[in-house]
PDB file of all heavy atoms in Angstrom:
ATOM      1  N   SER A   1      98.515 174.985  31.634  1.00  0.00           N
ATOM      2  CA  SER A   1      98.486 176.038  32.646  1.00  0.00           C
ATOM      3  C   SER A   1      99.270 177.267  32.206  1.00  0.00           C
ATOM      4  O   SER A   1      99.062 178.366  32.728  1.00  0.00           O
ATOM      5  CB  SER A   1      99.032 175.514  33.981  1.00  0.00           C
ATOM      6  OG  SER A   1     100.437 175.318  33.924  1.00  0.00           O
ATOM      7  N   PHE A   2     100.173 177.093  31.254  1.00  0.00           N
ATOM      8  CA  PHE A   2     100.925 178.210  30.685  1.00  0.00           C
ATOM      9  C   PHE A   2     100.248 178.758  29.428  1.00  0.00           C
ATOM     10  O   PHE A   2     100.774 179.665  28.786  1.00  0.00           O
ATOM     11  CB  PHE A   2     102.344 177.782  30.326  1.00  0.00           C
ATOM     12  CG  PHE A   2     103.255 177.573  31.502  1.00  0.00           C
ATOM     13  CD1 PHE A   2     103.402 176.322  32.074  1.00  0.00           C
ATOM     14  CD2 PHE A   2     103.971 178.628  32.043  1.00  0.00           C
ATOM     15  CE1 PHE A   2     104.251 176.118  33.159  1.00  0.00           C
ATOM     16  CE2 PHE A   2     104.821 178.445  33.126  1.00  0.00           C
ATOM     17  CZ  PHE A   2     104.953 177.186  33.694  1.00  0.00           C
ATOM     18  N   GLY A   3      99.132 178.173  29.044  1.00  0.00           N
ATOM     19  CA  GLY A   3      98.464 178.583  27.821  1.00  0.00           C
ATOM     20  C   GLY A   3      99.079 177.985  26.576  1.00  0.00           C
ATOM     21  O   GLY A   3      98.890 178.512  25.470  1.00  0.00           O
ATOM     22  N   VAL A   4      99.811 176.881  26.743  1.00  0.00           N
ATOM     23  CA  VAL A   4     100.478 176.214  25.623  1.00  0.00           C
ATOM     24  C   VAL A   4      99.699 174.948  25.277  1.00  0.00           C
ATOM     25  O   VAL A   4      99.452 174.101  26.150  1.00  0.00           O
ATOM     26  CB  VAL A   4     101.933 175.863  25.978  1.00  0.00           C
ATOM     27  CG1 VAL A   4     102.580 175.026  24.873  1.00  0.00           C
ATOM     28  CG2 VAL A   4     102.746 177.138  26.217  1.00  0.00           C
ATOM     29  N   GLU A   5      99.335 174.798  24.036  1.00  0.00           N
ATOM     30  CA  GLU A   5      98.594 173.617  23.609  1.00  0.00           C
ATOM     31  C   GLU A   5      99.453 172.371  23.774  1.00  0.00           C
ATOM     32  O   GLU A   5     100.657 172.377  23.479  1.00  0.00           O
ATOM     33  CB  GLU A   5      98.154 173.744  22.149  1.00  0.00           C
ATOM     34  CG  GLU A   5      97.321 172.567  21.678  1.00  0.00           C
ATOM     35  CD  GLU A   5      96.824 172.702  20.251  1.00  0.00           C
ATOM     36  OE1 GLU A   5      97.093 173.756  19.624  1.00  0.00           O
ATOM     37  OE2 GLU A   5      96.178 171.755  19.750  1.00  0.00           O
ATOM     38  N   ALA A   6      98.836 171.289  24.222  1.00  0.00           N
ATOM     39  CA  ALA A   6      99.568 170.035  24.436  1.00  0.00           C
ATOM     40  C   ALA A   6      98.651 168.860  24.182  1.00  0.00           C
ATOM     41  O   ALA A   6      97.419 168.965  24.260  1.00  0.00           O
ATOM     42  CB  ALA A   6     100.124 169.974  25.857  1.00  0.00           C
ATOM     43  N   SER A   7      99.272 167.738  23.865  1.00  0.00           N
ATOM     44  CA  SER A   7      98.536 166.508  23.613  1.00  0.00           C
ATOM     45  C   SER A   7      99.420 165.339  24.004  1.00  0.00           C
ATOM     46  O   SER A   7     100.635 165.490  24.165  1.00  0.00           O
ATOM     47  CB  SER A   7      98.149 166.414  22.132  1.00  0.00           C
ATOM     48  OG  SER A   7      97.387 165.260  21.870  1.00  0.00           O
ATOM     49  N   GLU A   8      98.832 164.169  24.166  1.00  0.00           N
ATOM     50  CA  GLU A   8      99.577 162.985  24.585  1.00  0.00           C
ATOM     51  C   GLU A   8      99.223 161.807  23.692  1.00  0.00           C
ATOM     52  O   GLU A   8      98.056 161.629  23.315  1.00  0.00           O
ATOM     53  CB  GLU A   8      99.255 162.647  26.043  1.00  0.00           C
ATOM     54  CG  GLU A   8     100.008 161.443  26.585  1.00  0.00           C
ATOM     55  CD  GLU A   8      99.699 161.192  28.052  1.00  0.00           C
ATOM     56  OE1 GLU A   8      99.828 162.143  28.852  1.00  0.00           O
ATOM     57  OE2 GLU A   8      99.336 160.034  28.385  1.00  0.00           O
ATOM     58  N   VAL A   9     100.234 161.014  23.342  1.00  0.00           N
ATOM     59  CA  VAL A   9     100.021 159.785  22.573  1.00  0.00           C
ATOM     60  C   VAL A   9     100.793 158.659  23.246  1.00  0.00           C
ATOM     61  O   VAL A   9     101.766 158.898  23.969  1.00  0.00           O
ATOM     62  CB  VAL A   9     100.484 159.930  21.108  1.00  0.00           C
ATOM     63  CG1 VAL A   9      99.662 160.976  20.377  1.00  0.00           C
ATOM     64  CG2 VAL A   9     101.970 160.278  21.027  1.00  0.00           C
ATOM     65  N   ASP A  10     100.343 157.450  23.007  1.00  0.00           N
ATOM     66  CA  ASP A  10     101.039 156.265  23.507  1.00  0.00           C
ATOM     67  C   ASP A  10     101.959 155.736  22.420  1.00  0.00           C
ATOM     68  O   ASP A  10     101.487 155.245  21.378  1.00  0.00           O
ATOM     69  CB  ASP A  10     100.045 155.180  23.926  1.00  0.00           C
ATOM     70  CG  ASP A  10      99.321 155.531  25.215  1.00  0.00           C
ATOM     71  OD1 ASP A  10      99.967 156.128  26.097  1.00  0.00           O
ATOM     72  OD2 ASP A  10      98.125 155.226  25.332  1.00  0.00           O
ATOM     73  N   GLY A  11     103.272 155.829  22.631  1.00  0.00           N
ATOM     74  CA  GLY A  11     104.241 155.291  21.686  1.00  0.00           C
ATOM     75  C   GLY A  11     104.354 156.114  20.420  1.00  0.00           C
ATOM     76  O   GLY A  11     103.733 157.167  20.254  1.00  0.00           O
ATOM     77  N   PHE A  12     105.172 155.591  19.500  1.00  0.00           N
ATOM     78  CA  PHE A  12     105.471 156.296  18.259  1.00  0.00           C
ATOM     79  C   PHE A  12     104.709 155.713  17.078  1.00  0.00           C
ATOM     80  O   PHE A  12     105.205 155.684  15.957  1.00  0.00           O
ATOM     81  CB  PHE A  12     106.977 156.247  17.989  1.00  0.00           C
ATOM     82  CG  PHE A  12     107.796 156.974  19.024  1.00  0.00           C
ATOM     83  CD1 PHE A  12     108.460 156.268  20.014  1.00  0.00           C
ATOM     84  CD2 PHE A  12     107.879 158.343  19.012  1.00  0.00           C
ATOM     85  CE1 PHE A  12     109.208 156.922  20.974  1.00  0.00           C
ATOM     86  CE2 PHE A  12     108.622 159.027  19.965  1.00  0.00           C
ATOM     87  CZ  PHE A  12     109.282 158.313  20.951  1.00  0.00           C
ATOM     88  N   GLY A  13     103.490 155.246  17.325  1.00  0.00           N
ATOM     89  CA  GLY A  13     102.669 154.701  16.244  1.00  0.00           C
ATOM     90  C   GLY A  13     102.154 155.792  15.330  1.00  0.00           C
ATOM     91  O   GLY A  13     102.609 156.935  15.332  1.00  0.00           O
ATOM     92  N   GLY A  14     101.122 155.445  14.548  1.00  0.00           N
ATOM     93  CA  GLY A  14     100.590 156.369  13.554  1.00  0.00           C
ATOM     94  C   GLY A  14     100.097 157.666  14.135  1.00  0.00           C
ATOM     95  O   GLY A  14     100.192 158.733  13.523  1.00  0.00           O
ATOM     96  N   GLY A  15      99.562 157.604  15.348  1.00  0.00           N
ATOM     97  CA  GLY A  15      99.060 158.818  15.972  1.00  0.00           C
ATOM     98  C   GLY A  15     100.138 159.845  16.242  1.00  0.00           C
ATOM     99  O   GLY A  15      99.896 161.056  16.185  1.00  0.00           O
ATOM    100  N   PHE A  16     101.347 159.372  16.526  1.00  0.00           N
ATOM    101  CA  PHE A  16     102.452 160.295  16.805  1.00  0.00           C
ATOM    102  C   PHE A  16     102.806 161.125  15.587  1.00  0.00           C
ATOM    103  O   PHE A  16     102.898 162.358  15.658  1.00  0.00           O
ATOM    104  CB  PHE A  16     103.679 159.517  17.285  1.00  0.00           C
ATOM    105  CG  PHE A  16     104.944 160.334  17.272  1.00  0.00           C
ATOM    106  CD1 PHE A  16     105.161 161.315  18.218  1.00  0.00           C
ATOM    107  CD2 PHE A  16     105.908 160.123  16.296  1.00  0.00           C
ATOM    108  CE1 PHE A  16     106.319 162.079  18.208  1.00  0.00           C
ATOM    109  CE2 PHE A  16     107.074 160.872  16.275  1.00  0.00           C
ATOM    110  CZ  PHE A  16     107.272 161.849  17.228  1.00  0.00           C
ATOM    111  N   ALA A  17     103.014 160.477  14.454  1.00  0.00           N
ATOM    112  CA  ALA A  17     103.425 161.197  13.244  1.00  0.00           C
ATOM    113  C   ALA A  17     102.367 162.210  12.824  1.00  0.00           C
ATOM    114  O   ALA A  17     102.695 163.347  12.435  1.00  0.00           O
ATOM    115  CB  ALA A  17     103.705 160.209  12.118  1.00  0.00           C
ATOM    116  N   ALA A  18     101.089 161.821  12.913  1.00  0.00           N
ATOM    117  CA  ALA A  18     100.028 162.736  12.501  1.00  0.00           C
ATOM    118  C   ALA A  18      99.957 163.942  13.425  1.00  0.00           C
ATOM    119  O   ALA A  18      99.796 165.086  12.972  1.00  0.00           O
ATOM    120  CB  ALA A  18      98.689 161.987  12.493  1.00  0.00           C
ATOM    121  N   ARG A  19     100.072 163.699  14.727  1.00  0.00           N
ATOM    122  CA  ARG A  19      99.985 164.808  15.665  1.00  0.00           C
ATOM    123  C   ARG A  19     101.204 165.722  15.547  1.00  0.00           C
ATOM    124  O   ARG A  19     101.090 166.941  15.658  1.00  0.00           O
ATOM    125  CB  ARG A  19      99.852 164.275  17.087  1.00  0.00           C
ATOM    126  CG  ARG A  19      99.530 165.344  18.135  1.00  0.00           C
ATOM    127  CD  ARG A  19      98.233 166.087  17.799  1.00  0.00           C
ATOM    128  NE  ARG A  19      97.099 165.199  17.655  1.00  0.00           N
ATOM    129  CZ  ARG A  19      96.359 164.746  18.662  1.00  0.00           C
ATOM    130  NH1 ARG A  19      96.640 165.117  19.906  1.00  0.00           N
ATOM    131  NH2 ARG A  19      95.340 163.941  18.439  1.00  0.00           N
ATOM    132  N   LEU A  20     102.389 165.137  15.317  1.00  0.00           N
ATOM    133  CA  LEU A  20     103.576 165.960  15.138  1.00  0.00           C
ATOM    134  C   LEU A  20     103.435 166.855  13.910  1.00  0.00           C
ATOM    135  O   LEU A  20     103.771 168.047  13.944  1.00  0.00           O
ATOM    136  CB  LEU A  20     104.826 165.096  15.018  1.00  0.00           C
ATOM    137  CG  LEU A  20     106.140 165.857  14.821  1.00  0.00           C
ATOM    138  CD1 LEU A  20     106.465 166.705  16.050  1.00  0.00           C
ATOM    139  CD2 LEU A  20     107.299 164.899  14.536  1.00  0.00           C
ATOM    140  N   ALA A  21     102.923 166.289  12.823  1.00  0.00           N
ATOM    141  CA  ALA A  21     102.721 167.084  11.611  1.00  0.00           C
ATOM    142  C   ALA A  21     101.740 168.223  11.873  1.00  0.00           C
ATOM    143  O   ALA A  21     101.922 169.347  11.381  1.00  0.00           O
ATOM    144  CB  ALA A  21     102.212 166.186  10.487  1.00  0.00           C
ATOM    145  N   GLU A  22     100.695 167.945  12.657  1.00  0.00           N
ATOM    146  CA  GLU A  22      99.714 168.981  12.992  1.00  0.00           C
ATOM    147  C   GLU A  22     100.348 170.087  13.831  1.00  0.00           C
ATOM    148  O   GLU A  22     100.169 171.280  13.560  1.00  0.00           O
ATOM    149  CB  GLU A  22      98.560 168.342  13.765  1.00  0.00           C
ATOM    150  CG  GLU A  22      97.521 169.323  14.283  1.00  0.00           C
ATOM    151  CD  GLU A  22      96.525 168.661  15.214  1.00  0.00           C
ATOM    152  OE1 GLU A  22      96.354 167.419  15.140  1.00  0.00           O
ATOM    153  OE2 GLU A  22      95.930 169.377  16.053  1.00  0.00           O
ATOM    154  N   PHE A  23     101.123 169.697  14.846  1.00  0.00           N
ATOM    155  CA  PHE A  23     101.715 170.685  15.744  1.00  0.00           C
ATOM    156  C   PHE A  23     102.761 171.540  15.046  1.00  0.00           C
ATOM    157  O   PHE A  23     102.856 172.743  15.292  1.00  0.00           O
ATOM    158  CB  PHE A  23     102.322 169.988  16.962  1.00  0.00           C
ATOM    159  CG  PHE A  23     101.340 169.753  18.086  1.00  0.00           C
ATOM    160  CD1 PHE A  23      99.980 169.799  17.869  1.00  0.00           C
ATOM    161  CD2 PHE A  23     101.786 169.464  19.364  1.00  0.00           C
ATOM    162  CE1 PHE A  23      99.072 169.578  18.888  1.00  0.00           C
ATOM    163  CE2 PHE A  23     100.900 169.254  20.405  1.00  0.00           C
ATOM    164  CZ  PHE A  23      99.533 169.322  20.166  1.00  0.00           C
ATOM    165  N   THR A  24     103.579 170.938  14.201  1.00  0.00           N
ATOM    166  CA  THR A  24     104.639 171.706  13.543  1.00  0.00           C
ATOM    167  C   THR A  24     104.099 172.617  12.454  1.00  0.00           C
ATOM    168  O   THR A  24     104.832 173.487  11.962  1.00  0.00           O
ATOM    169  CB  THR A  24     105.706 170.769  12.948  1.00  0.00           C
ATOM    170  OG1 THR A  24     105.082 169.814  12.089  1.00  0.00           O
ATOM    171  CG2 THR A  24     106.471 170.050  14.047  1.00  0.00           C
ATOM    172  N   ALA A  25     102.845 172.457  12.091  1.00  0.00           N
ATOM    173  CA  ALA A  25     102.229 173.348  11.106  1.00  0.00           C
ATOM    174  C   ALA A  25     101.571 174.549  11.761  1.00  0.00           C
ATOM    175  O   ALA A  25     101.111 175.468  11.072  1.00  0.00           O
ATOM    176  CB  ALA A  25     101.192 172.584  10.287  1.00  0.00           C
ATOM    177  N   GLN A  26     101.529 174.580  13.090  1.00  0.00           N
ATOM    178  CA  GLN A  26     100.872 175.660  13.818  1.00  0.00           C
ATOM    179  C   GLN A  26     101.825 176.822  14.077  1.00  0.00           C
ATOM    180  O   GLN A  26     103.036 176.704  13.913  1.00  0.00           O
ATOM    181  CB  GLN A  26     100.326 175.133  15.152  1.00  0.00           C
ATOM    182  CG  GLN A  26      99.217 174.108  15.020  1.00  0.00           C
ATOM    183  CD  GLN A  26      98.751 173.592  16.373  1.00  0.00           C
ATOM    184  OE1 GLN A  26      99.280 173.975  17.416  1.00  0.00           O
ATOM    185  NE2 GLN A  26      97.757 172.714  16.363  1.00  0.00           N
ATOM    186  N   ASP A  27     101.250 177.921  14.513  1.00  0.00           N
ATOM    187  CA  ASP A  27     102.038 179.039  15.022  1.00  0.00           C
ATOM    188  C   ASP A  27     102.239 178.849  16.516  1.00  0.00           C
ATOM    189  O   ASP A  27     101.438 178.222  17.197  1.00  0.00           O
ATOM    190  CB  ASP A  27     101.319 180.369  14.766  1.00  0.00           C
ATOM    191  CG  ASP A  27     101.167 180.669  13.291  1.00  0.00           C
ATOM    192  OD1 ASP A  27     102.060 180.277  12.521  1.00  0.00           O
ATOM    193  OD2 ASP A  27     100.156 181.290  12.922  1.00  0.00           O
ATOM    194  N   GLY A  28     103.313 179.420  17.035  1.00  0.00           N
ATOM    195  CA  GLY A  28     103.531 179.408  18.473  1.00  0.00           C
ATOM    196  C   GLY A  28     103.961 178.062  19.006  1.00  0.00           C
ATOM    197  O   GLY A  28     104.193 177.100  18.272  1.00  0.00           O
TER     198      GLY A  28
END
C-alpha cells in the first residue's frame, strides 16, 4: 500500500536466503 515491494516466506529455509539475496540486490 506504500508502494514498497514485499514478499513472504515460511521459516528460514532455502527460500529465505534466495529471496533475501534478490531483495538486497535491488534499488530502493
